[in-house]
């Protein structure tokens, strides 16, 4: 607690510290909510520098993107206070602070009256999340993509993620490869899926855009009273990418009727009502800004990202659980198998997914 207070003193905060409360959601960064005596609230995060090796570049991206979105909101009469994250600068005018041990810290203004959902409680929440992520994409449509740092190289290079998985199995540093032979075979059978978006981009059929790249539904704040999407958060991975992957990541996380680490795989499947709600909301905001091909390949993004995340969880399990936070023995393996089961459900319902996308293609 003493160290946390020392860190907070490095930033331009309003008031005196009243309470520091840990927030447990998220696989990567450590987060606290800070309440001041004047009622002001902030979000303090320790940036995971194992994952983000160049935190200064991460923060440069975030500052640039949030300032761009805030300008867009101001131009359209939107809510510039609750509609976009606001980075709090250090006392020497920097967006992060590196302490004596090398740990990197940042602070955002806390958005009150809002919450995130790990599990959707009402389909309207996913419809509104679709509108929120779609609006985020729309507002960044004219952002100069070449000015962004690539915070994690090859982040959504699914082909390379598969290759990393098989390399981890070959090295077998944690002695676990033999026990997951069937899981590895599942991914080998789907190797061709991993190169689809790369190939389409190389052929000039779909473009790269400024994308979020981690659009789990718990990365968007939902108004507690209206259920409307307010603000996209967790912007560490904003960089060039594919809209289909952003679309697909929300689907694989939120339209799964089970939690991401469900052990009982009979509970895991894609809910088509939730898929339709998100698709409708998303395309209502960004449909006119996407190419025909980009819209066509949205369902493919759901399948690809589900396989990719499954491969990443399994890779981390083979590596000894060094990337994602785990809370029990075999947690990453449970997560991987959940994604594999979801991928099967997506494959079974893929034609219906494509039909739904077609239904809302021009819903703008």
Protein backbone atom coordinates (compact mmCIF):
# COMPACT_ATOMS: atom_id res chain seq x y z
CA UNK A 1 0.00 0.00 0.00
CA UNK A 2 2.83 2.40 0.84
CA UNK A 3 4.44 1.84 -2.56
CA UNK A 4 1.12 2.36 -4.32
CA UNK A 5 0.68 5.72 -2.62
CA UNK A 6 4.20 6.69 -3.64
CA UNK A 7 3.36 5.82 -7.25
CA UNK A 8 0.15 7.85 -7.12
CA UNK A 9 2.06 10.91 -5.93
CA UNK A 10 3.93 10.91 -9.25
CA UNK A 11 0.72 11.77 -11.16
CA UNK A 12 -1.40 14.91 -11.52
CA UNK A 13 -4.32 13.80 -9.34
CA UNK A 14 -7.02 15.96 -7.80
CA UNK A 15 -7.51 15.60 -4.02
CA UNK A 16 -6.12 13.31 -1.32
CA UNK A 17 -6.22 9.51 -1.42
CA UNK A 18 -9.15 7.95 0.44
CA UNK A 19 -9.24 4.33 -0.76
CA UNK A 20 -7.26 1.96 -2.99
CA UNK A 21 -9.19 -1.11 -4.12
CA UNK A 22 -7.81 -3.94 -6.30
CA UNK A 23 -9.77 -4.84 -9.45
CA UNK A 24 -9.36 -8.50 -10.43
CA UNK A 25 -10.70 -8.66 -14.01
CA UNK A 26 -8.27 -9.20 -16.89
CA UNK A 27 -5.55 -11.65 -17.89
CA UNK A 28 -2.64 -9.24 -18.31
CA UNK A 29 -2.38 -5.98 -16.33
CA UNK A 30 -2.69 -5.42 -12.56
CA UNK A 31 -5.36 -2.82 -11.80
CA UNK A 32 -6.62 -0.78 -8.82
CA UNK A 33 -9.42 1.73 -8.37
CA UNK A 34 -8.34 4.83 -6.44
CA UNK A 35 -10.90 7.03 -4.69
CA UNK A 36 -10.00 10.51 -3.50
CA UNK A 37 -11.44 12.42 -0.54
CA UNK A 38 -13.21 14.78 -2.97
CA UNK A 39 -15.00 11.83 -4.61
CA UNK A 40 -12.82 11.79 -7.72
CA UNK A 41 -11.89 8.30 -8.90
CA UNK A 42 -9.00 6.97 -10.96
CA UNK A 43 -7.87 3.65 -12.41
CA UNK A 44 -4.24 2.77 -11.67
CA UNK A 45 -2.56 0.03 -13.69
CA UNK A 46 0.82 -1.63 -13.62
CA UNK A 47 1.61 -2.37 -17.27
CA UNK A 48 2.72 -5.95 -17.86
CA UNK A 49 6.13 -5.39 -19.43
CA UNK A 50 6.62 -9.09 -20.10
CA UNK A 51 3.77 -8.80 -22.61
CA UNK A 52 4.37 -5.18 -23.65
CA UNK A 53 8.14 -4.85 -24.01
CA UNK A 54 7.97 -1.20 -25.10
CA UNK A 55 5.42 0.40 -22.74
CA UNK A 56 6.34 3.92 -23.87
CA UNK A 57 5.15 3.03 -27.37
CA UNK A 58 1.96 1.52 -25.96
CA UNK A 59 1.20 4.78 -24.19
CA UNK A 60 2.06 6.90 -27.25
CA UNK A 61 -0.54 4.90 -29.19
CA UNK A 62 -3.15 5.25 -26.46
CA UNK A 63 -2.72 9.00 -26.06
CA UNK A 64 -2.93 9.54 -29.83
CA UNK A 65 -6.00 7.34 -30.29
CA UNK A 66 -7.93 8.70 -27.29
CA UNK A 67 -7.27 12.30 -28.31
CA UNK A 68 -8.50 11.48 -31.84
CA UNK A 69 -11.67 9.85 -30.52
CA UNK A 70 -12.31 12.73 -28.13
CA UNK A 71 -12.14 15.17 -31.05
CA UNK A 72 -14.61 13.03 -33.00
CA UNK A 73 -16.98 12.95 -30.04
CA UNK A 74 -16.75 16.73 -29.64
CA UNK A 75 -17.50 17.25 -33.34
CA UNK A 76 -20.59 15.04 -33.18
CA UNK A 77 -21.87 16.32 -29.83
CA UNK A 78 -20.96 13.09 -28.05
CA UNK A 79 -19.94 12.61 -24.42
CA UNK A 80 -16.24 13.49 -24.26
CA UNK A 81 -16.07 12.70 -20.54
CA UNK A 82 -17.56 9.20 -20.45
CA UNK A 83 -17.18 8.25 -24.12
CA UNK A 84 -13.41 7.89 -24.16
CA UNK A 85 -10.60 7.04 -21.77
CA UNK A 86 -8.63 10.00 -20.45
CA UNK A 87 -4.96 9.45 -19.64
CA UNK A 88 -3.67 11.23 -16.53
CA UNK A 89 -0.17 12.61 -17.01
CA UNK A 90 2.67 12.40 -14.51
CA UNK A 91 3.87 15.55 -12.80
CA UNK A 92 6.55 15.87 -15.47
CA UNK A 93 4.01 15.57 -18.29
CA UNK A 94 4.45 11.94 -19.33
CA UNK A 95 1.68 9.35 -19.85
CA UNK A 96 3.35 6.72 -17.63
CA UNK A 97 5.80 6.42 -14.75
CA UNK A 98 8.64 3.90 -14.51
CA UNK A 99 9.66 3.23 -10.90
CA UNK A 100 13.09 2.36 -9.51
CA UNK A 101 12.47 -1.38 -10.03
CA UNK A 102 11.51 -0.81 -13.67
CA UNK A 103 7.77 -1.34 -13.19
CA UNK A 104 5.62 0.88 -15.41
CA UNK A 105 2.48 2.59 -14.18
CA UNK A 106 -0.36 4.57 -15.77
CA UNK A 107 -3.57 6.19 -14.59
CA UNK A 108 -6.91 6.86 -16.29
CA UNK A 109 -9.86 8.84 -15.04
CA UNK A 110 -12.40 6.33 -13.71
CA UNK A 111 -15.69 6.25 -15.60
CA UNK A 112 -18.40 6.18 -12.93
CA UNK A 113 -21.85 4.68 -13.33
CA UNK A 114 -20.55 2.04 -15.72
CA UNK A 115 -19.48 -1.57 -15.56
CA UNK A 116 -18.12 -4.36 -17.69
CA UNK A 117 -19.61 -7.80 -18.23
CA UNK A 118 -17.73 -11.09 -18.35
CA UNK A 119 -21.04 -12.79 -19.17
CA UNK A 120 -23.86 -11.09 -21.06
CA UNK A 121 -27.00 -10.90 -18.88
CA UNK A 122 -29.37 -9.51 -21.53
CA UNK A 123 -29.05 -9.67 -25.35
CA UNK A 124 -29.55 -5.89 -25.53
CA UNK A 125 -26.18 -5.49 -23.82
CA UNK A 126 -24.47 -7.29 -26.67
CA UNK A 127 -26.41 -5.28 -29.26
CA UNK A 128 -25.21 -2.09 -27.58
CA UNK A 129 -21.68 -3.47 -27.27
CA UNK A 130 -21.82 -4.04 -31.03
CA UNK A 131 -22.82 -0.41 -31.50
CA UNK A 132 -19.99 0.67 -29.20
CA UNK A 133 -17.28 -1.34 -30.94
CA UNK A 134 -18.68 -0.34 -34.31
CA UNK A 135 -18.58 3.33 -33.35
CA UNK A 136 -15.02 2.91 -32.10
CA UNK A 137 -14.04 1.49 -35.47
CA UNK A 138 -15.91 4.23 -37.32
CA UNK A 139 -14.24 7.04 -35.37
CA UNK A 140 -10.81 5.60 -36.16
CA UNK A 141 -11.51 5.14 -39.87
CA UNK A 142 -9.49 8.25 -40.74
CA UNK A 143 -6.78 7.83 -38.11
CA UNK A 144 -3.29 7.74 -39.75
CA UNK A 145 -2.55 4.03 -39.35
CA UNK A 146 1.15 4.35 -40.19
CA UNK A 147 1.73 6.52 -37.10
CA UNK A 148 0.90 3.67 -34.71
CA UNK A 149 3.51 1.43 -33.10
CA UNK A 150 3.02 -2.32 -33.45
CA UNK A 151 2.86 -3.03 -29.72
CA UNK A 152 2.97 -6.82 -30.13
CA UNK A 153 4.41 -7.93 -33.49
CA UNK A 154 2.31 -10.53 -35.33
CA UNK A 155 -0.36 -10.31 -32.63
CA UNK A 156 -3.13 -11.66 -34.88
CA UNK A 157 -0.92 -13.60 -37.27
CA UNK A 158 -2.88 -16.80 -36.70
CA UNK A 159 -0.59 -18.83 -38.93
CA UNK A 160 2.37 -17.87 -36.76
CA UNK A 161 0.37 -18.54 -33.59
CA UNK A 162 -0.18 -22.09 -34.81
CA UNK A 163 3.51 -22.42 -35.62
CA UNK A 164 4.37 -21.17 -32.12
CA UNK A 165 2.07 -23.82 -30.66
CA UNK A 166 3.80 -26.67 -32.48
CA UNK A 167 7.21 -25.27 -31.57
CA UNK A 168 6.17 -25.14 -27.91
CA UNK A 169 5.07 -28.77 -28.18
CA UNK A 170 8.43 -29.71 -29.71
CA UNK A 171 10.38 -27.99 -26.92
CA UNK A 172 7.97 -29.24 -24.23
CA UNK A 173 9.64 -27.20 -21.48
CA UNK A 174 6.95 -28.08 -18.93
CA UNK A 175 6.70 -31.76 -19.87
CA UNK A 176 3.05 -31.52 -20.91
CA UNK A 177 3.05 -32.21 -24.65
CA UNK A 178 2.25 -35.92 -24.48
CA UNK A 179 -0.91 -35.25 -22.45
CA UNK A 180 -2.32 -32.91 -25.13
CA UNK A 181 -1.59 -34.92 -28.26
CA UNK A 182 -5.27 -34.93 -29.26
CA UNK A 183 -5.52 -31.17 -28.78
CA UNK A 184 -2.48 -30.62 -30.99
CA UNK A 185 -4.02 -32.80 -33.71
CA UNK A 186 -7.14 -30.60 -33.64
CA UNK A 187 -5.06 -27.55 -34.55
CA UNK A 188 -2.99 -29.38 -37.17
CA UNK A 189 -6.22 -30.23 -38.99
CA UNK A 190 -7.04 -26.49 -39.18
CA UNK A 191 -3.69 -25.05 -40.21
CA UNK A 192 -5.07 -23.64 -43.47
CA UNK A 193 -7.56 -21.46 -41.58
CA UNK A 194 -4.72 -19.54 -39.98
CA UNK A 195 -3.47 -17.99 -43.21
CA UNK A 196 -6.85 -16.90 -44.68
CA UNK A 197 -6.79 -13.19 -43.74
CA UNK A 198 -3.08 -12.91 -44.49
CA UNK A 199 -3.66 -14.33 -47.96
CA UNK A 200 -6.66 -12.08 -48.64
CA UNK A 201 -4.66 -9.01 -47.61
CA UNK A 202 -1.69 -10.02 -49.77
CA UNK A 203 -4.09 -10.39 -52.71
CA UNK A 204 -5.52 -6.91 -52.07
CA UNK A 205 -9.00 -8.24 -51.30
CA UNK A 206 -9.33 -6.85 -47.76
CA UNK A 207 -7.48 -3.94 -46.11
CA UNK A 208 -5.75 -3.47 -42.80
CA UNK A 209 -7.31 -0.82 -40.55
CA UNK A 210 -6.73 0.69 -37.12
CA UNK A 211 -8.32 -1.94 -34.89
CA UNK A 212 -8.57 -2.66 -31.17
CA UNK A 213 -7.33 -6.27 -31.44
CA UNK A 214 -8.72 -7.39 -28.07
CA UNK A 215 -12.46 -6.74 -28.24
CA UNK A 216 -13.66 -9.01 -25.48
CA UNK A 217 -16.99 -7.68 -24.25
CA UNK A 218 -15.42 -6.86 -20.88
CA UNK A 219 -13.29 -4.30 -22.71
CA UNK A 220 -16.23 -1.99 -23.22
CA UNK A 221 -17.93 -0.02 -20.45
CA UNK A 222 -21.72 -0.35 -20.29
CA UNK A 223 -23.91 2.28 -18.61
CA UNK A 224 -25.42 0.74 -15.47
CA UNK A 225 -28.79 2.44 -16.00
CA UNK A 226 -29.32 2.43 -19.77
CA UNK A 227 -27.23 -0.60 -20.84
CA UNK A 228 -25.76 1.59 -23.59
CA UNK A 229 -22.09 1.22 -24.51
CA UNK A 230 -20.04 4.15 -23.26
CA UNK A 231 -16.36 3.65 -23.75
CA UNK A 232 -13.93 1.11 -25.22
CA UNK A 233 -11.11 0.33 -22.79
CA UNK A 234 -7.89 -1.72 -22.65
CA UNK A 235 -6.30 0.01 -25.64
CA UNK A 236 -2.84 -1.56 -25.33
CA UNK A 237 -3.18 -3.46 -28.59
CA UNK A 238 -4.67 -0.73 -30.78
CA UNK A 239 -2.67 -1.01 -34.01
CA UNK A 240 -3.14 -2.10 -37.63
CA UNK A 241 -5.31 -5.19 -37.95
CA UNK A 242 -8.44 -6.74 -39.46
CA UNK A 243 -11.99 -5.69 -38.66
CA UNK A 244 -13.02 -9.35 -38.92
CA UNK A 245 -10.81 -10.20 -35.95
CA UNK A 246 -12.27 -7.44 -33.79
CA UNK A 247 -15.77 -8.56 -34.75
CA UNK A 248 -14.88 -12.19 -34.15
CA UNK A 249 -13.22 -11.70 -30.77
CA UNK A 250 -16.37 -10.24 -29.24
CA UNK A 251 -18.37 -13.11 -30.70
CA UNK A 252 -16.09 -15.83 -29.39
CA UNK A 253 -16.04 -14.24 -25.91
CA UNK A 254 -19.61 -13.00 -25.46
CA UNK A 255 -21.78 -15.21 -27.69
CA UNK A 256 -20.39 -18.32 -26.04
CA UNK A 257 -23.12 -19.45 -23.63
CA UNK A 258 -20.41 -20.62 -21.20
CA UNK A 259 -17.53 -18.79 -19.58
CA UNK A 260 -14.14 -18.66 -21.30
CA UNK A 261 -12.63 -21.24 -18.92
CA UNK A 262 -15.63 -23.58 -18.57
CA UNK A 263 -14.55 -27.13 -17.72
CA UNK A 264 -17.84 -28.80 -18.67
CA UNK A 265 -17.58 -28.63 -22.45
CA UNK A 266 -21.17 -29.75 -22.93
CA UNK A 267 -22.12 -26.22 -21.83
CA UNK A 268 -20.03 -24.55 -24.55
CA UNK A 269 -21.70 -23.40 -27.76
CA UNK A 270 -22.31 -20.32 -29.91
CA UNK A 271 -25.62 -18.61 -29.14
CA UNK A 272 -27.04 -17.46 -32.48
CA UNK A 273 -29.38 -14.93 -30.87
CA UNK A 274 -26.39 -13.21 -29.28
CA UNK A 275 -24.46 -13.46 -32.55
CA UNK A 276 -27.31 -11.73 -34.37
CA UNK A 277 -27.63 -8.99 -31.76
CA UNK A 278 -23.95 -8.10 -31.92
CA UNK A 279 -23.89 -8.26 -35.73
CA UNK A 280 -26.89 -5.96 -35.98
CA UNK A 281 -25.39 -3.41 -33.56
CA UNK A 282 -21.91 -3.52 -35.07
CA UNK A 283 -22.95 -3.10 -38.70
CA UNK A 284 -25.43 -0.34 -37.81
CA UNK A 285 -22.44 1.82 -36.85
CA UNK A 286 -19.65 0.83 -39.20
CA UNK A 287 -21.28 -1.03 -42.08
CA UNK A 288 -21.03 1.88 -44.51
CA UNK A 289 -17.29 2.29 -43.79
CA UNK A 290 -16.37 -1.32 -44.60
CA UNK A 291 -15.79 -2.88 -47.98
CA UNK A 292 -18.14 -5.56 -49.26
CA UNK A 293 -15.39 -8.15 -48.80
CA UNK A 294 -14.72 -7.10 -45.21
CA UNK A 295 -18.36 -7.63 -44.33
CA UNK A 296 -18.44 -10.99 -46.09
CA UNK A 297 -15.49 -12.24 -44.03
CA UNK A 298 -16.80 -11.16 -40.62
CA UNK A 299 -18.01 -14.70 -39.73
CA UNK A 300 -14.61 -16.08 -40.74
CA UNK A 301 -13.07 -13.74 -38.19
CA UNK A 302 -15.12 -15.41 -35.44
CA UNK A 303 -13.80 -18.83 -36.39
CA UNK A 304 -10.20 -17.70 -36.89
CA UNK A 305 -9.90 -15.75 -33.65
CA UNK A 306 -11.46 -18.58 -31.64
CA UNK A 307 -8.89 -21.00 -33.00
CA UNK A 308 -6.10 -18.46 -32.49
CA UNK A 309 -6.97 -17.79 -28.85
CA UNK A 310 -7.30 -21.51 -28.24
CA UNK A 311 -3.84 -22.04 -29.71
CA UNK A 312 -2.43 -19.25 -27.53
CA UNK A 313 -3.92 -20.73 -24.35
CA UNK A 314 -2.55 -24.16 -25.26
CA UNK A 315 0.87 -22.69 -26.10
CA UNK A 316 1.03 -20.99 -22.71
CA UNK A 317 0.05 -24.24 -21.02
CA UNK A 318 2.92 -26.00 -22.81
CA UNK A 319 5.30 -23.16 -21.89
CA UNK A 320 4.46 -23.47 -18.20
CA UNK A 321 1.82 -20.72 -17.86
CA UNK A 322 4.06 -17.68 -18.26
CA UNK A 323 1.82 -15.30 -20.26
CA UNK A 324 -1.79 -15.41 -19.06
CA UNK A 325 -2.71 -15.17 -15.40
CA UNK A 326 -3.92 -18.52 -14.06
CA UNK A 327 -5.98 -19.25 -10.96
CA UNK A 328 -5.91 -23.03 -10.82
CA UNK A 329 -3.92 -26.02 -12.05
CA UNK A 330 -4.54 -26.60 -15.74
CA UNK A 331 -6.36 -23.29 -16.15
CA UNK A 332 -4.86 -22.52 -19.56
CA UNK A 333 -5.65 -26.03 -20.77
CA UNK A 334 -9.27 -25.58 -19.68
CA UNK A 335 -9.37 -22.29 -21.58
CA UNK A 336 -7.86 -23.87 -24.70
CA UNK A 337 -10.34 -26.74 -24.75
CA UNK A 338 -13.24 -24.35 -24.25
CA UNK A 339 -12.13 -22.42 -27.35
CA UNK A 340 -11.76 -25.64 -29.31
CA UNK A 341 -15.32 -26.68 -28.46
CA UNK A 342 -16.58 -23.22 -29.38
CA UNK A 343 -14.76 -23.43 -32.72
CA UNK A 344 -16.61 -26.66 -33.44
CA UNK A 345 -19.91 -24.96 -32.64
CA UNK A 346 -19.02 -22.08 -34.97
CA UNK A 347 -18.15 -24.51 -37.75
CA UNK A 348 -21.49 -26.28 -37.30
CA UNK A 349 -23.47 -23.02 -37.52
CA UNK A 350 -21.27 -21.18 -40.01
CA UNK A 351 -23.80 -21.01 -42.86
CA UNK A 352 -26.40 -19.43 -40.56
CA UNK A 353 -23.81 -16.90 -39.36
CA UNK A 354 -23.14 -15.87 -42.94
CA UNK A 355 -26.88 -15.49 -43.58
CA UNK A 356 -27.24 -13.19 -40.56
CA UNK A 357 -24.37 -11.00 -41.72
CA UNK A 358 -26.02 -10.74 -45.14
CA UNK A 359 -29.29 -9.71 -43.46
CA UNK A 360 -27.67 -6.70 -41.80
CA UNK A 361 -25.06 -5.91 -44.45
CA UNK A 362 -26.69 -2.63 -45.41
CA UNK A 363 -28.27 -1.83 -42.05
CA UNK A 364 -26.78 1.63 -41.69
